[in-house]
Amino acid sequence: MTLKKLRKKYKMWLTLAFVFMVLMFVMMGLQIDGWVEVCMGATFFCLVMAVYVMLRYGRCRVCYNLLDPYVLFHGGHCKFCGTPVEDEEEKKC
């Protein structure tokens, strides 16, 4: 997965989590109890998926340590082995 796709997926899950959290608070204000739990569950799921994406794809290709979010989104070097983090082209079959 390229860094561009990683950034896109991470931002998508965080945006969805924020939307469901806002929707949950709106439903609390309107006192619609059944949908509050649904929105809370959706928020939790989206946050779990955002963490999963970072743990699965946000690793150094040499030493497999987790990369800093700043390094992932702005470029730089792995702080453990010094390997530059670059956006790779996807292999076409």
N, C-alpha and C. Protein backbone atom coordinates (compact mmCIF):
# COMPACT_ATOMS: atom_id res chain seq x y z
N MET A 1 0.85 -1.17 0.00
CA MET A 1 0.00 0.00 0.00
C MET A 1 0.90 1.24 0.00
N THR A 2 0.60 2.18 -0.88
CA THR A 2 1.40 3.39 -0.94
C THR A 2 1.05 4.31 0.23
N LEU A 3 1.93 5.24 0.52
CA LEU A 3 1.67 6.18 1.62
C LEU A 3 0.45 7.03 1.33
N LYS A 4 0.21 7.32 0.05
CA LYS A 4 -0.96 8.12 -0.31
C LYS A 4 -2.25 7.39 0.06
N LYS A 5 -2.30 6.09 -0.24
CA LYS A 5 -3.49 5.30 0.11
C LYS A 5 -3.61 5.13 1.62
N LEU A 6 -2.47 4.97 2.30
CA LEU A 6 -2.49 4.85 3.76
C LEU A 6 -3.06 6.11 4.39
N ARG A 7 -2.59 7.26 3.93
CA ARG A 7 -3.11 8.53 4.46
C ARG A 7 -4.61 8.65 4.21
N LYS A 8 -5.03 8.25 3.02
CA LYS A 8 -6.45 8.36 2.66
C LYS A 8 -7.32 7.47 3.55
N LYS A 9 -6.89 6.23 3.77
CA LYS A 9 -7.68 5.32 4.61
C LYS A 9 -7.72 5.78 6.06
N TYR A 10 -6.56 6.23 6.57
CA TYR A 10 -6.49 6.69 7.95
C TYR A 10 -7.40 7.89 8.17
N LYS A 11 -7.33 8.86 7.26
CA LYS A 11 -8.17 10.05 7.39
C LYS A 11 -9.65 9.70 7.23
N MET A 12 -9.97 8.73 6.36
CA MET A 12 -11.35 8.31 6.18
C MET A 12 -11.92 7.74 7.48
N TRP A 13 -11.18 6.84 8.14
CA TRP A 13 -11.68 6.23 9.38
C TRP A 13 -11.80 7.25 10.49
N LEU A 14 -10.83 8.18 10.58
CA LEU A 14 -10.94 9.21 11.62
C LEU A 14 -12.11 10.15 11.36
N THR A 15 -12.36 10.49 10.10
CA THR A 15 -13.50 11.34 9.76
C THR A 15 -14.81 10.65 10.08
N LEU A 16 -14.91 9.37 9.74
CA LEU A 16 -16.13 8.62 10.06
C LEU A 16 -16.35 8.54 11.57
N ALA A 17 -15.29 8.34 12.33
CA ALA A 17 -15.41 8.29 13.79
C ALA A 17 -15.93 9.63 14.32
N PHE A 18 -15.40 10.73 13.80
CA PHE A 18 -15.85 12.06 14.23
C PHE A 18 -17.32 12.28 13.87
N VAL A 19 -17.73 11.89 12.68
CA VAL A 19 -19.12 12.07 12.25
C VAL A 19 -20.06 11.28 13.14
N PHE A 20 -19.72 10.02 13.42
CA PHE A 20 -20.59 9.21 14.28
C PHE A 20 -20.62 9.73 15.71
N MET A 21 -19.50 10.29 16.19
CA MET A 21 -19.50 10.84 17.54
C MET A 21 -20.40 12.07 17.62
N VAL A 22 -20.33 12.94 16.62
CA VAL A 22 -21.21 14.11 16.60
C VAL A 22 -22.66 13.67 16.51
N LEU A 23 -22.93 12.69 15.67
CA LEU A 23 -24.29 12.16 15.54
C LEU A 23 -24.77 11.57 16.86
N MET A 24 -23.88 10.91 17.59
CA MET A 24 -24.25 10.34 18.89
C MET A 24 -24.66 11.45 19.86
N PHE A 25 -23.89 12.55 19.90
CA PHE A 25 -24.23 13.65 20.81
C PHE A 25 -25.53 14.33 20.40
N VAL A 26 -25.79 14.42 19.10
CA VAL A 26 -27.06 14.99 18.64
C VAL A 26 -28.22 14.11 19.08
N MET A 27 -28.06 12.80 18.94
CA MET A 27 -29.11 11.87 19.36
C MET A 27 -29.32 11.92 20.87
N MET A 28 -28.24 12.12 21.64
CA MET A 28 -28.39 12.27 23.09
C MET A 28 -29.21 13.51 23.41
N GLY A 29 -28.93 14.59 22.69
CA GLY A 29 -29.67 15.83 22.92
C GLY A 29 -31.13 15.70 22.57
N LEU A 30 -31.42 14.93 21.54
CA LEU A 30 -32.81 14.72 21.14
C LEU A 30 -33.47 13.60 21.93
N GLN A 31 -32.71 12.94 22.78
CA GLN A 31 -33.17 11.84 23.63
C GLN A 31 -33.77 10.68 22.83
N ILE A 32 -33.05 10.30 21.79
CA ILE A 32 -33.42 9.13 21.01
C ILE A 32 -32.47 8.02 21.44
N ASP A 33 -32.91 7.21 22.41
CA ASP A 33 -32.01 6.28 23.09
C ASP A 33 -31.51 5.15 22.21
N GLY A 34 -32.32 4.59 21.36
CA GLY A 34 -31.90 3.42 20.59
C GLY A 34 -30.75 3.70 19.65
N TRP A 35 -30.73 4.88 19.06
CA TRP A 35 -29.71 5.21 18.07
C TRP A 35 -28.41 5.68 18.70
N VAL A 36 -28.45 6.07 19.98
CA VAL A 36 -27.23 6.52 20.66
C VAL A 36 -26.24 5.36 20.74
N GLU A 37 -26.73 4.18 21.11
CA GLU A 37 -25.86 3.01 21.21
C GLU A 37 -25.31 2.60 19.85
N VAL A 38 -26.13 2.73 18.81
CA VAL A 38 -25.67 2.39 17.46
C VAL A 38 -24.54 3.33 17.04
N CYS A 39 -24.72 4.62 17.27
CA CYS A 39 -23.68 5.60 16.91
C CYS A 39 -22.43 5.41 17.76
N MET A 40 -22.60 5.05 19.03
CA MET A 40 -21.45 4.81 19.89
C MET A 40 -20.66 3.59 19.39
N GLY A 41 -21.36 2.56 19.01
CA GLY A 41 -20.70 1.38 18.46
C GLY A 41 -19.99 1.66 17.15
N ALA A 42 -20.62 2.46 16.29
CA ALA A 42 -19.99 2.82 15.02
C ALA A 42 -18.75 3.67 15.25
N THR A 43 -18.80 4.58 16.23
CA THR A 43 -17.63 5.40 16.56
C THR A 43 -16.49 4.52 17.04
N PHE A 44 -16.79 3.58 17.92
CA PHE A 44 -15.76 2.67 18.43
C PHE A 44 -15.15 1.84 17.30
N PHE A 45 -15.99 1.33 16.41
CA PHE A 45 -15.51 0.53 15.29
C PHE A 45 -14.58 1.34 14.38
N CYS A 46 -14.96 2.58 14.09
CA CYS A 46 -14.13 3.42 13.22
C CYS A 46 -12.78 3.74 13.87
N LEU A 47 -12.78 3.98 15.17
CA LEU A 47 -11.51 4.23 15.86
C LEU A 47 -10.62 2.99 15.86
N VAL A 48 -11.23 1.82 16.05
CA VAL A 48 -10.47 0.57 16.01
C VAL A 48 -9.88 0.36 14.62
N MET A 49 -10.64 0.67 13.58
CA MET A 49 -10.14 0.51 12.21
C MET A 49 -9.01 1.49 11.91
N ALA A 50 -9.09 2.71 12.44
CA ALA A 50 -8.01 3.69 12.24
C ALA A 50 -6.72 3.18 12.89
N VAL A 51 -6.83 2.63 14.09
CA VAL A 51 -5.65 2.07 14.77
C VAL A 51 -5.13 0.86 14.00
N TYR A 52 -6.03 0.02 13.50
CA TYR A 52 -5.63 -1.16 12.74
C TYR A 52 -4.84 -0.77 11.48
N VAL A 53 -5.32 0.24 10.77
CA VAL A 53 -4.64 0.67 9.55
C VAL A 53 -3.22 1.14 9.87
N MET A 54 -3.08 1.89 10.97
CA MET A 54 -1.75 2.38 11.34
C MET A 54 -0.84 1.23 11.79
N LEU A 55 -1.38 0.26 12.52
CA LEU A 55 -0.56 -0.86 12.98
C LEU A 55 -0.20 -1.80 11.84
N ARG A 56 -1.11 -1.98 10.90
CA ARG A 56 -0.89 -2.93 9.81
C ARG A 56 0.06 -2.37 8.75
N TYR A 57 -0.16 -1.12 8.35
CA TYR A 57 0.58 -0.57 7.22
C TYR A 57 1.58 0.51 7.60
N GLY A 58 1.59 0.97 8.83
CA GLY A 58 2.47 2.06 9.23
C GLY A 58 3.78 1.60 9.84
N ARG A 59 4.42 0.62 9.23
CA ARG A 59 5.67 0.08 9.77
C ARG A 59 6.82 0.34 8.79
N CYS A 60 8.02 0.38 9.35
CA CYS A 60 9.23 0.52 8.54
C CYS A 60 9.42 -0.76 7.73
N ARG A 61 9.87 -0.62 6.49
CA ARG A 61 10.03 -1.79 5.63
C ARG A 61 11.31 -2.58 5.95
N VAL A 62 12.21 -2.00 6.73
CA VAL A 62 13.48 -2.66 7.05
C VAL A 62 13.43 -3.30 8.44
N CYS A 63 13.11 -2.49 9.47
CA CYS A 63 13.18 -3.01 10.84
C CYS A 63 11.79 -3.34 11.42
N TYR A 64 10.71 -3.05 10.71
CA TYR A 64 9.33 -3.36 11.10
C TYR A 64 8.87 -2.69 12.38
N ASN A 65 9.54 -1.63 12.81
CA ASN A 65 9.06 -0.84 13.94
C ASN A 65 8.00 0.14 13.45
N LEU A 66 7.11 0.54 14.36
CA LEU A 66 6.08 1.50 13.99
C LEU A 66 6.71 2.85 13.69
N LEU A 67 6.20 3.50 12.65
CA LEU A 67 6.68 4.83 12.28
C LEU A 67 5.85 5.89 12.99
N ASP A 68 6.46 7.04 13.23
CA ASP A 68 5.73 8.17 13.80
C ASP A 68 4.69 8.64 12.80
N PRO A 69 3.52 9.08 13.28
CA PRO A 69 2.52 9.62 12.35
C PRO A 69 3.06 10.81 11.54
N TYR A 70 3.91 11.64 12.16
CA TYR A 70 4.47 12.77 11.42
C TYR A 70 5.33 12.28 10.25
N VAL A 71 6.12 11.25 10.48
CA VAL A 71 6.97 10.70 9.43
C VAL A 71 6.11 10.09 8.32
N LEU A 72 5.03 9.43 8.69
CA LEU A 72 4.16 8.83 7.69
C LEU A 72 3.50 9.87 6.80
N PHE A 73 3.05 10.95 7.40
CA PHE A 73 2.28 11.93 6.64
C PHE A 73 3.13 13.02 6.01
N HIS A 74 4.36 13.22 6.48
CA HIS A 74 5.18 14.31 5.94
C HIS A 74 6.52 13.83 5.39
N GLY A 75 6.81 12.56 5.49
CA GLY A 75 8.08 12.04 5.01
C GLY A 75 9.17 12.17 6.06
N GLY A 76 10.29 11.52 5.81
CA GLY A 76 11.41 11.58 6.74
C GLY A 76 12.11 10.24 6.82
N HIS A 77 12.70 9.95 7.98
CA HIS A 77 13.46 8.72 8.18
C HIS A 77 12.92 7.97 9.39
N CYS A 78 13.06 6.64 9.36
CA CYS A 78 12.73 5.81 10.52
C CYS A 78 13.70 6.17 11.64
N LYS A 79 13.17 6.39 12.84
CA LYS A 79 14.05 6.81 13.94
C LYS A 79 14.85 5.65 14.53
N PHE A 80 14.54 4.42 14.15
CA PHE A 80 15.27 3.27 14.68
C PHE A 80 16.43 2.86 13.77
N CYS A 81 16.17 2.77 12.46
CA CYS A 81 17.23 2.30 11.56
C CYS A 81 17.69 3.36 10.57
N GLY A 82 16.99 4.49 10.47
CA GLY A 82 17.41 5.57 9.59
C GLY A 82 17.00 5.41 8.14
N THR A 83 16.18 4.42 7.82
CA THR A 83 15.74 4.20 6.45
C THR A 83 14.79 5.32 6.03
N PRO A 84 15.01 5.92 4.86
CA PRO A 84 14.08 6.97 4.41
C PRO A 84 12.71 6.38 4.09
N VAL A 85 11.68 7.10 4.47
CA VAL A 85 10.31 6.68 4.20
C VAL A 85 9.86 7.38 2.93
N GLU A 86 9.68 6.61 1.87
CA GLU A 86 9.31 7.18 0.59
C GLU A 86 8.02 6.55 0.11
N ASP A 87 7.33 7.28 -0.74
CA ASP A 87 6.10 6.76 -1.33
C ASP A 87 6.47 5.87 -2.49
N GLU A 88 6.11 4.62 -2.40
CA GLU A 88 6.47 3.66 -3.45
C GLU A 88 5.37 3.59 -4.49
N GLU A 89 5.74 3.21 -5.67
CA GLU A 89 4.77 2.97 -6.72
C GLU A 89 4.24 1.55 -6.57
N GLU A 90 2.94 1.39 -6.82
CA GLU A 90 2.38 0.04 -6.73
C GLU A 90 2.84 -0.79 -7.91
N LYS A 91 3.08 -2.06 -7.65
CA LYS A 91 3.51 -2.97 -8.71
C LYS A 91 2.32 -3.34 -9.57
N LYS A 92 2.51 -3.25 -10.88
CA LYS A 92 1.43 -3.62 -11.79
C LYS A 92 1.77 -4.98 -12.39
N CYS A 93 0.79 -5.86 -12.37
CA CYS A 93 1.01 -7.21 -12.89
C CYS A 93 0.82 -7.25 -14.38
